[in-house]
Each structure stands twice: as C-alpha cells, then as structure tokens.
Amino acid sequence: MKAAAVGFLLVVAASPAFGDACTGAETQLAVVFRDLARGEPASAEEALRPVVRDHPGCLDILLAEARIEAAKGDAANAGGMFVRYLQLAPEDPRGYTYFGRFLISQRQYQQADRISAAGLEKAPYDPGAMALRGQILDMRGESQQGLALLKQACQADPENGEAQFYLGTIFDRTRQPGEAVQHLQKAVSIDPHNARAWDYLALNLEPLGKEDVADEAYRKALAANIPGPNFDAFLDYNYGRFLMKRNQLAASKQHMDRAVELVPQVRAVWYERAKLDLRLLNYRQARIDAERAASLKDPAGIIIDLQIYSLLEKIYRHLGETDLARKYAELSRETPVPPRGDHR
C-alpha cells in the first residue's frame, strides 16, 4: 500500500466519530470510506459486510450505508439514513458534509444551505465542513468567500476529492486553466470514476496546448460516464467539439449525434452539429439542425442569434435557396451583438 493511502487510513481511523462499538473495526471502516471517496460503492458495500456482522452497534455503519444508498440512486432511503445519523451523532461534521452533498445532488439547495451552515458552526475548521460551505456560498454568488473556504479545505485535507473538484470548476469558470488543471488532476487521482472531473480536466488542458493529454482525459471520462451522481450529459458535446477542431469529423459526428439525444433542449448542441454537417457537406441535415437551434432559447448567451443567422445564410447558399440566404444575411446585418455571459 502506498504511503499516502496508509496516511489516509490512519487519519480516518483516528476520527472521534469512531465510538466504542466501532473498536476493532477502524481499519475496515477506513477501507469503506476510502472506496466511497474513490467512487466505488460496490467495493465499499462489500468491505462493510464484516463490520455489520462483527460490530452491529457501530454508528459509522449507518453513515456508510447512507452514502452507499445515495451512490446507488436510492434517494429516499439515503435521505432517511442521513437524517437518522445526524440525530444520533449531531456533533460529527461528516454527517453534515455528506448529507449536504447529497442534498445538492438532489437539487435541494435551501436544505443544503442550512445543513452546510450548521456543519460549519459545529466544526469551523473541519475540511469537509469548510468545503461544503464554500461550495454553497459560491452557488449563492458569494464567490470570494466560497473560494477562500475551499482553498482552506484543500490545504487542510488535500485528499478531499470533492473540494478539489469544485475548486477546479471555479478556476475553470474564471478562465484560469492552469489552476483548474492542478486541482482537477488531484480530483481524478482521488476519484478516477468522476466523469465530470475528467471532462473539466480535458476542457482546461485544451487551452494549455496539451491536446493529446486532453484527448486521453476525454477517453477516460467516457469510460467513467455511467448513470449516477457524476454522469456528465455534456461530455459527448465537449468531446465532439474537440474532435471537430482536430478535423476528426466522422468521430465527431458520433459524439454530436449522442449529444443531441442527451440534451435536445440545448441550443448549442444543435448549432455545433449543424456546423459539423456543413463541413461534412450534408447541407439538408445542416439546415434542419440550424433551424432547430434557432427555435430554442439560450438565456445564457452561449450561442447568440447572430451566430445562427450567419450559419443559416451559408447553409442556404449551399442549398441554392437564395431568398432564404438573403433573409439571413439581412438578419445578420440588423442583429446587434449582445453582452456575452460566461460559457464553455
């Protein structure tokens, strides 16, 4: 076993949450929580069985089972278990942290806000509590306070994969790819099953000129992208765009087709596939996709109307429909460029 893994086991085993009923099960429980941190709930469940058999009164079993049920997608059961654990162990910051993360995954943001505040109040220097509260504050628009807490959490516990991942996404959003890559590489080293982290990593490797490494990260993201809390519906879209930039048009088409199946309500996926259709000389399909993109709203301004009008003008010229081409050329001239928001 690597030294870092040994250190992790010792830290978890020394946690004050391990009560007398857990005595003798510290190492086994450390393996359970390590597997959960690595996104391996099946392995965690297997490792937990002897603890359940030999230490039935150990309260950490309940916390582990709640996380396993959450990873398996049983939200109702997991939620009840988290509530019960907090009732039985109200001083343990882990209960607040894991419950808060679960609530975020269920889009119950107000409840997650309350839980994160309570957890930080109970344990203001606990890395998990700081990371959760930092994430919530960032989601509330209090980005500087959130960033500060997340940085503190990562410094206090570099093995906190959730904190590393979320901190990486903040640097991604603020166009700091070097900083983003540093934290996202750490996140995927902790949890190699986090498809979203691999996707973000690939996206931030691209502007650094590390295209081959980005391609490898995309492939690892695809291998990890299974239904669950870290499923990434935009992965095929991002990889399809990447492949299109590298002129791998046939491979790009496969992923763009998948993208419009996964997120058909998003204007950007239809627009990018229309651009790809145009390059593949498939003008009729390009027309369908571009018109579909034009019919969808895009409040974030990822793809603005002017881009679609310009694309439709090109498509209709290739189709020989000069009146429609003229119409979209005129719209392109008349349509102002709106302020652009942050987007990928």
Protein backbone atom coordinates (compact mmCIF):
# COMPACT_ATOMS: atom_id res chain seq x y z
CA MET A 1 0.00 0.00 0.00
CA LYS A 2 1.28 3.48 -0.91
CA ALA A 3 2.31 5.85 1.88
CA ALA A 4 -0.48 8.29 1.02
CA ALA A 5 -3.09 5.55 1.34
CA VAL A 6 -1.64 4.47 4.69
CA GLY A 7 -1.85 8.05 5.90
CA PHE A 8 -5.48 8.29 4.83
CA LEU A 9 -6.36 5.15 6.74
CA LEU A 10 -4.68 6.43 9.88
CA VAL A 11 -6.48 9.79 9.69
CA VAL A 12 -9.89 8.17 9.25
CA ALA A 13 -9.24 5.59 11.93
CA ALA A 14 -8.31 8.35 14.37
CA SER A 15 -11.60 10.18 13.82
CA PRO A 16 -13.50 10.88 17.06
CA ALA A 17 -16.66 9.61 15.35
CA PHE A 18 -15.46 6.04 15.88
CA GLY A 19 -17.19 5.13 19.13
CA ASP A 20 -16.60 2.17 21.43
CA ALA A 21 -18.90 0.00 19.33
CA CYS A 22 -16.54 0.54 16.39
CA THR A 23 -13.40 -0.52 18.29
CA GLY A 24 -11.55 -3.11 16.27
CA ALA A 25 -13.21 -2.09 13.01
CA GLU A 26 -11.19 1.07 12.37
CA THR A 27 -9.10 -0.29 9.52
CA GLN A 28 -12.08 -1.96 7.82
CA LEU A 29 -14.14 1.21 8.08
CA ALA A 30 -11.26 3.24 6.70
CA VAL A 31 -11.29 0.99 3.63
CA VAL A 32 -15.06 1.50 3.29
CA PHE A 33 -14.76 5.29 3.35
CA ARG A 34 -11.75 5.21 1.05
CA ASP A 35 -13.72 3.21 -1.52
CA LEU A 36 -16.61 5.65 -1.25
CA ALA A 37 -14.23 8.57 -1.81
CA ARG A 38 -12.95 6.80 -4.92
CA GLY A 39 -16.46 6.37 -6.31
CA GLU A 40 -16.56 2.61 -5.72
CA PRO A 41 -19.80 1.97 -3.77
CA ALA A 42 -19.91 -1.74 -4.64
CA SER A 43 -16.46 -2.29 -3.15
CA ALA A 44 -17.43 -0.21 -0.13
CA GLU A 45 -20.56 -2.29 0.40
CA GLU A 46 -18.52 -5.50 0.23
CA ALA A 47 -15.96 -4.14 2.71
CA LEU A 48 -18.75 -3.06 5.07
CA ARG A 49 -20.30 -6.53 5.41
CA PRO A 50 -17.86 -7.91 8.03
CA VAL A 51 -18.23 -4.70 10.06
CA VAL A 52 -22.02 -5.08 10.08
CA ARG A 53 -21.60 -8.70 11.16
CA ASP A 54 -18.97 -8.17 13.87
CA HIS A 55 -19.80 -4.64 15.09
CA PRO A 56 -23.57 -4.22 14.73
CA GLY A 57 -23.70 -1.28 17.16
CA CYS A 58 -21.12 0.79 15.28
CA LEU A 59 -22.74 4.05 14.25
CA ASP A 60 -20.38 4.56 11.33
CA ILE A 61 -22.17 1.71 9.60
CA LEU A 62 -25.24 3.93 9.25
CA LEU A 63 -23.23 6.78 7.71
CA ALA A 64 -21.53 4.41 5.27
CA GLU A 65 -24.85 2.80 4.31
CA ALA A 66 -26.39 6.23 3.70
CA ARG A 67 -23.57 7.10 1.29
CA ILE A 68 -23.82 3.72 -0.44
CA GLU A 69 -27.56 4.12 -0.94
CA ALA A 70 -27.03 7.64 -2.29
CA ALA A 71 -24.43 6.34 -4.76
CA LYS A 72 -26.84 3.59 -5.85
CA GLY A 73 -29.54 6.17 -6.54
CA ASP A 74 -31.92 5.29 -3.71
CA ALA A 75 -32.57 8.88 -2.69
CA ALA A 76 -35.47 8.23 -0.30
CA ASN A 77 -33.61 5.58 1.69
CA ALA A 78 -30.36 7.54 1.71
CA GLY A 79 -32.07 10.72 2.88
CA GLY A 80 -33.72 8.94 5.79
CA MET A 81 -30.42 7.37 6.82
CA PHE A 82 -28.60 10.72 6.76
CA VAL A 83 -31.29 12.32 8.93
CA ARG A 84 -31.11 9.45 11.40
CA TYR A 85 -27.33 9.66 11.57
CA LEU A 86 -27.44 13.38 12.36
CA GLN A 87 -29.97 12.69 15.09
CA LEU A 88 -27.69 10.05 16.62
CA ALA A 89 -24.37 11.87 16.03
CA PRO A 90 -25.15 15.60 15.99
CA GLU A 91 -21.55 16.56 16.76
CA ASP A 92 -19.97 14.68 13.84
CA PRO A 93 -19.23 17.11 10.99
CA ARG A 94 -19.06 14.25 8.49
CA GLY A 95 -22.80 13.76 8.79
CA TYR A 96 -23.46 17.36 7.79
CA THR A 97 -20.91 17.24 4.97
CA TYR A 98 -22.15 14.05 3.33
CA PHE A 99 -25.81 14.94 3.84
CA GLY A 100 -25.19 18.38 2.35
CA ARG A 101 -23.51 16.90 -0.73
CA PHE A 102 -26.42 14.51 -1.10
CA LEU A 103 -28.92 17.38 -0.90
CA ILE A 104 -27.03 19.27 -3.61
CA SER A 105 -27.18 16.20 -5.84
CA GLN A 106 -30.96 16.19 -5.29
CA ARG A 107 -31.18 19.92 -6.10
CA GLN A 108 -32.47 20.64 -2.62
CA TYR A 109 -30.34 23.75 -2.34
CA GLN A 110 -32.09 25.54 0.52
CA GLN A 111 -31.82 22.48 2.73
CA ALA A 112 -28.18 22.05 1.72
CA ASP A 113 -27.55 25.69 2.62
CA ARG A 114 -28.95 25.15 6.12
CA ILE A 115 -27.06 21.90 6.63
CA SER A 116 -23.77 23.43 5.46
CA ALA A 117 -24.17 26.39 7.83
CA ALA A 118 -24.94 24.06 10.73
CA GLY A 119 -21.96 21.84 9.91
CA LEU A 120 -19.53 24.75 9.80
CA GLU A 121 -20.91 26.08 13.06
CA LYS A 122 -20.32 22.69 14.69
CA ALA A 123 -16.80 22.33 13.27
CA PRO A 124 -15.45 25.58 11.80
CA TYR A 125 -12.03 24.07 10.98
CA ASP A 126 -13.20 20.74 9.60
CA PRO A 127 -12.08 20.43 5.93
CA GLY A 128 -15.29 18.75 4.83
CA ALA A 129 -17.48 21.35 6.51
CA MET A 130 -15.40 24.17 5.02
CA ALA A 131 -15.56 22.63 1.54
CA LEU A 132 -19.32 22.13 1.62
CA ARG A 133 -19.97 25.64 2.91
CA GLY A 134 -17.57 27.06 0.35
CA GLN A 135 -19.43 25.31 -2.45
CA ILE A 136 -22.79 26.59 -1.21
CA LEU A 137 -21.51 30.16 -0.86
CA ASP A 138 -20.15 30.05 -4.40
CA MET A 139 -23.51 28.77 -5.65
CA ARG A 140 -25.19 31.68 -3.84
CA GLY A 141 -22.98 34.15 -5.67
CA GLU A 142 -20.70 34.80 -2.69
CA SER A 143 -17.76 33.56 -4.73
CA GLN A 144 -14.86 35.17 -2.88
CA GLN A 145 -15.96 33.76 0.48
CA GLY A 146 -16.63 30.39 -1.11
CA LEU A 147 -13.26 30.32 -2.84
CA ALA A 148 -11.46 31.17 0.39
CA LEU A 149 -13.16 28.33 2.28
CA LEU A 150 -12.49 25.82 -0.50
CA LYS A 151 -8.82 26.79 -0.59
CA GLN A 152 -8.58 26.33 3.18
CA ALA A 153 -10.29 22.94 2.88
CA CYS A 154 -7.86 21.74 0.21
CA GLN A 155 -4.88 22.94 2.21
CA ALA A 156 -6.14 21.22 5.36
CA ASP A 157 -7.03 17.98 3.54
CA PRO A 158 -5.51 17.62 0.05
CA GLU A 159 -7.27 14.23 -0.28
CA ASN A 160 -10.73 15.81 -0.25
CA GLY A 161 -11.71 14.97 -3.82
CA GLU A 162 -14.99 16.90 -3.73
CA ALA A 163 -13.24 20.08 -2.63
CA GLN A 164 -10.51 19.68 -5.24
CA PHE A 165 -13.12 19.14 -7.96
CA TYR A 166 -15.29 22.09 -7.06
CA LEU A 167 -12.30 24.39 -6.66
CA GLY A 168 -11.17 23.29 -10.11
CA THR A 169 -14.57 24.20 -11.58
CA ILE A 170 -14.31 27.70 -10.10
CA PHE A 171 -10.93 28.22 -11.78
CA ASP A 172 -12.46 26.85 -14.99
CA ARG A 173 -15.29 29.37 -14.77
CA THR A 174 -12.85 32.25 -14.18
CA ARG A 175 -10.67 31.24 -17.15
CA GLN A 176 -7.64 30.10 -15.15
CA PRO A 177 -6.88 26.76 -16.84
CA GLY A 178 -3.51 26.25 -15.18
CA GLU A 179 -5.01 26.50 -11.70
CA ALA A 180 -8.03 24.44 -12.76
CA VAL A 181 -5.85 21.61 -14.09
CA GLN A 182 -3.87 21.45 -10.86
CA HIS A 183 -6.97 20.80 -8.77
CA LEU A 184 -8.81 18.65 -11.31
CA GLN A 185 -5.82 16.34 -11.72
CA LYS A 186 -5.86 15.87 -7.96
CA ALA A 187 -9.62 15.21 -8.05
CA VAL A 188 -9.36 12.44 -10.66
CA SER A 189 -6.41 10.88 -8.85
CA ILE A 190 -8.66 10.55 -5.78
CA ASP A 191 -11.79 9.50 -7.67
CA PRO A 192 -10.96 8.14 -11.13
CA HIS A 193 -14.66 7.34 -11.65
CA ASN A 194 -15.72 11.01 -11.69
CA ALA A 195 -16.58 11.57 -15.36
CA ARG A 196 -17.36 15.24 -14.78
CA ALA A 197 -13.90 15.85 -13.32
CA TRP A 198 -12.23 14.17 -16.31
CA ASP A 199 -14.35 16.30 -18.66
CA TYR A 200 -13.43 19.54 -16.90
CA LEU A 201 -9.79 18.45 -16.88
CA ALA A 202 -9.83 17.85 -20.63
CA LEU A 203 -11.52 21.20 -21.28
CA ASN A 204 -8.80 23.02 -19.34
CA LEU A 205 -5.93 21.08 -20.90
CA GLU A 206 -7.06 22.25 -24.36
CA PRO A 207 -6.21 25.96 -23.93
CA LEU A 208 -2.85 24.97 -22.45
CA GLY A 209 -1.96 23.33 -25.76
CA LYS A 210 -1.94 19.82 -24.28
CA GLU A 211 -4.27 18.31 -26.86
CA ASP A 212 -3.03 14.72 -26.68
CA VAL A 213 -3.35 14.71 -22.89
CA ALA A 214 -6.81 16.28 -23.24
CA ASP A 215 -7.83 13.52 -25.65
CA GLU A 216 -6.73 10.89 -23.12
CA ALA A 217 -8.73 12.67 -20.41
CA TYR A 218 -11.83 12.71 -22.63
CA ARG A 219 -11.48 8.98 -23.23
CA LYS A 220 -11.21 8.33 -19.50
CA ALA A 221 -14.28 10.49 -18.97
CA LEU A 222 -16.23 8.41 -21.50
CA ALA A 223 -15.18 5.19 -19.78
CA ALA A 224 -16.34 6.55 -16.41
CA ASN A 225 -19.56 8.16 -17.65
CA ILE A 226 -22.21 5.84 -16.27
CA PRO A 227 -25.59 6.82 -14.78
CA GLY A 228 -25.16 8.22 -11.29
CA PRO A 229 -24.34 11.44 -9.43
CA ASN A 230 -21.32 12.20 -11.63
CA PHE A 231 -22.91 11.43 -15.01
CA ASP A 232 -21.96 14.13 -17.49
CA ALA A 233 -24.63 14.80 -20.12
CA PHE A 234 -22.41 17.34 -21.90
CA LEU A 235 -19.38 15.09 -22.28
CA ASP A 236 -20.24 13.96 -25.81
CA TYR A 237 -20.85 17.57 -26.83
CA ASN A 238 -17.48 18.69 -25.47
CA TYR A 239 -15.60 15.76 -26.97
CA GLY A 240 -17.42 16.15 -30.28
CA ARG A 241 -16.29 19.79 -30.50
CA PHE A 242 -12.75 18.78 -29.60
CA LEU A 243 -12.67 16.16 -32.35
CA MET A 244 -14.13 18.63 -34.85
CA LYS A 245 -11.27 21.06 -34.08
CA ARG A 246 -8.83 18.21 -34.80
CA ASN A 247 -10.60 17.53 -38.10
CA GLN A 248 -11.72 14.07 -36.98
CA LEU A 249 -15.14 14.66 -38.45
CA ALA A 250 -16.52 11.11 -38.56
CA ALA A 251 -15.67 10.53 -34.89
CA SER A 252 -17.03 13.96 -34.01
CA LYS A 253 -20.32 13.09 -35.71
CA GLN A 254 -20.82 10.05 -33.47
CA HIS A 255 -20.49 12.16 -30.35
CA MET A 256 -22.57 15.05 -31.64
CA ASP A 257 -25.38 12.63 -32.51
CA ARG A 258 -25.21 11.35 -28.95
CA ALA A 259 -25.16 14.91 -27.58
CA VAL A 260 -28.43 15.90 -29.26
CA GLU A 261 -30.02 12.76 -27.79
CA LEU A 262 -28.85 13.59 -24.27
CA VAL A 263 -29.57 17.34 -24.18
CA PRO A 264 -32.00 18.10 -27.02
CA GLN A 265 -33.25 21.23 -25.27
CA VAL A 266 -29.85 22.96 -25.51
CA ARG A 267 -29.31 25.27 -28.48
CA ALA A 268 -25.52 24.83 -28.55
CA VAL A 269 -25.59 21.11 -29.38
CA TRP A 270 -27.79 21.64 -32.46
CA TYR A 271 -25.70 24.60 -33.58
CA GLU A 272 -22.41 22.71 -33.30
CA ARG A 273 -23.84 19.69 -35.09
CA ALA A 274 -25.10 21.99 -37.85
CA LYS A 275 -21.57 23.37 -38.25
CA LEU A 276 -20.29 19.80 -38.46
CA ASP A 277 -22.98 18.89 -41.01
CA LEU A 278 -21.85 21.82 -43.14
CA ARG A 279 -18.24 20.62 -43.07
CA LEU A 280 -19.43 17.12 -43.99
CA LEU A 281 -21.32 18.67 -46.97
CA ASN A 282 -24.58 17.35 -45.53
CA TYR A 283 -26.45 20.56 -46.24
CA ARG A 284 -30.00 19.33 -45.73
CA GLN A 285 -29.22 17.97 -42.27
CA ALA A 286 -27.30 21.16 -41.51
CA ARG A 287 -30.45 23.13 -42.35
CA ILE A 288 -32.58 21.00 -40.01
CA ASP A 289 -30.10 21.32 -37.15
CA ALA A 290 -29.56 25.04 -37.58
CA GLU A 291 -33.29 25.76 -37.76
CA ARG A 292 -33.75 23.66 -34.65
CA ALA A 293 -31.05 25.70 -32.90
CA ALA A 294 -32.84 28.91 -33.97
CA SER A 295 -36.07 27.68 -32.40
CA LEU A 296 -34.51 27.19 -28.96
CA LYS A 297 -33.96 29.90 -26.37
CA ASP A 298 -30.47 30.40 -24.93
CA PRO A 299 -30.70 32.76 -21.94
CA ALA A 300 -27.03 32.18 -21.05
CA GLY A 301 -25.96 33.53 -24.43
CA ILE A 302 -23.74 30.57 -25.25
CA ILE A 303 -24.86 30.66 -28.88
CA ILE A 304 -26.31 34.02 -29.87
CA ASP A 305 -28.85 34.61 -32.64
CA LEU A 306 -26.26 36.32 -34.83
CA GLN A 307 -24.17 33.12 -34.97
CA ILE A 308 -27.19 31.09 -36.10
CA TYR A 309 -28.22 33.62 -38.74
CA SER A 310 -24.71 33.64 -40.17
CA LEU A 311 -24.64 29.84 -40.28
CA LEU A 312 -28.07 29.63 -41.91
CA GLU A 313 -27.01 32.10 -44.58
CA LYS A 314 -24.09 29.82 -45.52
CA ILE A 315 -26.28 26.71 -45.47
CA TYR A 316 -28.98 28.22 -47.69
CA ARG A 317 -26.39 29.48 -50.15
CA HIS A 318 -25.04 25.94 -50.47
CA LEU A 319 -28.60 24.69 -50.99
CA GLY A 320 -29.16 27.28 -53.71
CA GLU A 321 -32.05 28.91 -51.84
CA THR A 322 -31.04 32.50 -52.49
CA ASP A 323 -34.12 34.18 -50.98
CA LEU A 324 -33.60 32.48 -47.64
CA ALA A 325 -29.87 33.14 -47.80
CA ARG A 326 -30.63 36.83 -48.40
CA LYS A 327 -33.09 36.85 -45.50
CA TYR A 328 -30.50 35.57 -43.03
CA ALA A 329 -27.81 37.84 -44.43
CA GLU A 330 -30.11 40.78 -43.71
CA LEU A 331 -30.84 39.47 -40.20
CA SER A 332 -27.10 39.15 -39.61
CA ARG A 333 -26.62 42.81 -40.51
CA GLU A 334 -29.53 44.01 -38.38
CA THR A 335 -28.96 41.90 -35.27
CA PRO A 336 -26.80 43.57 -32.60
CA VAL A 337 -24.22 41.61 -30.63
CA PRO A 338 -25.48 41.28 -27.03
CA PRO A 339 -23.20 41.24 -23.98
CA ARG A 340 -21.74 37.77 -23.63
CA GLY A 341 -22.04 35.82 -20.40
CA ASP A 342 -19.65 33.20 -19.09
CA HIS A 343 -19.95 29.99 -21.04
CA ARG A 344 -17.94 26.99 -22.08
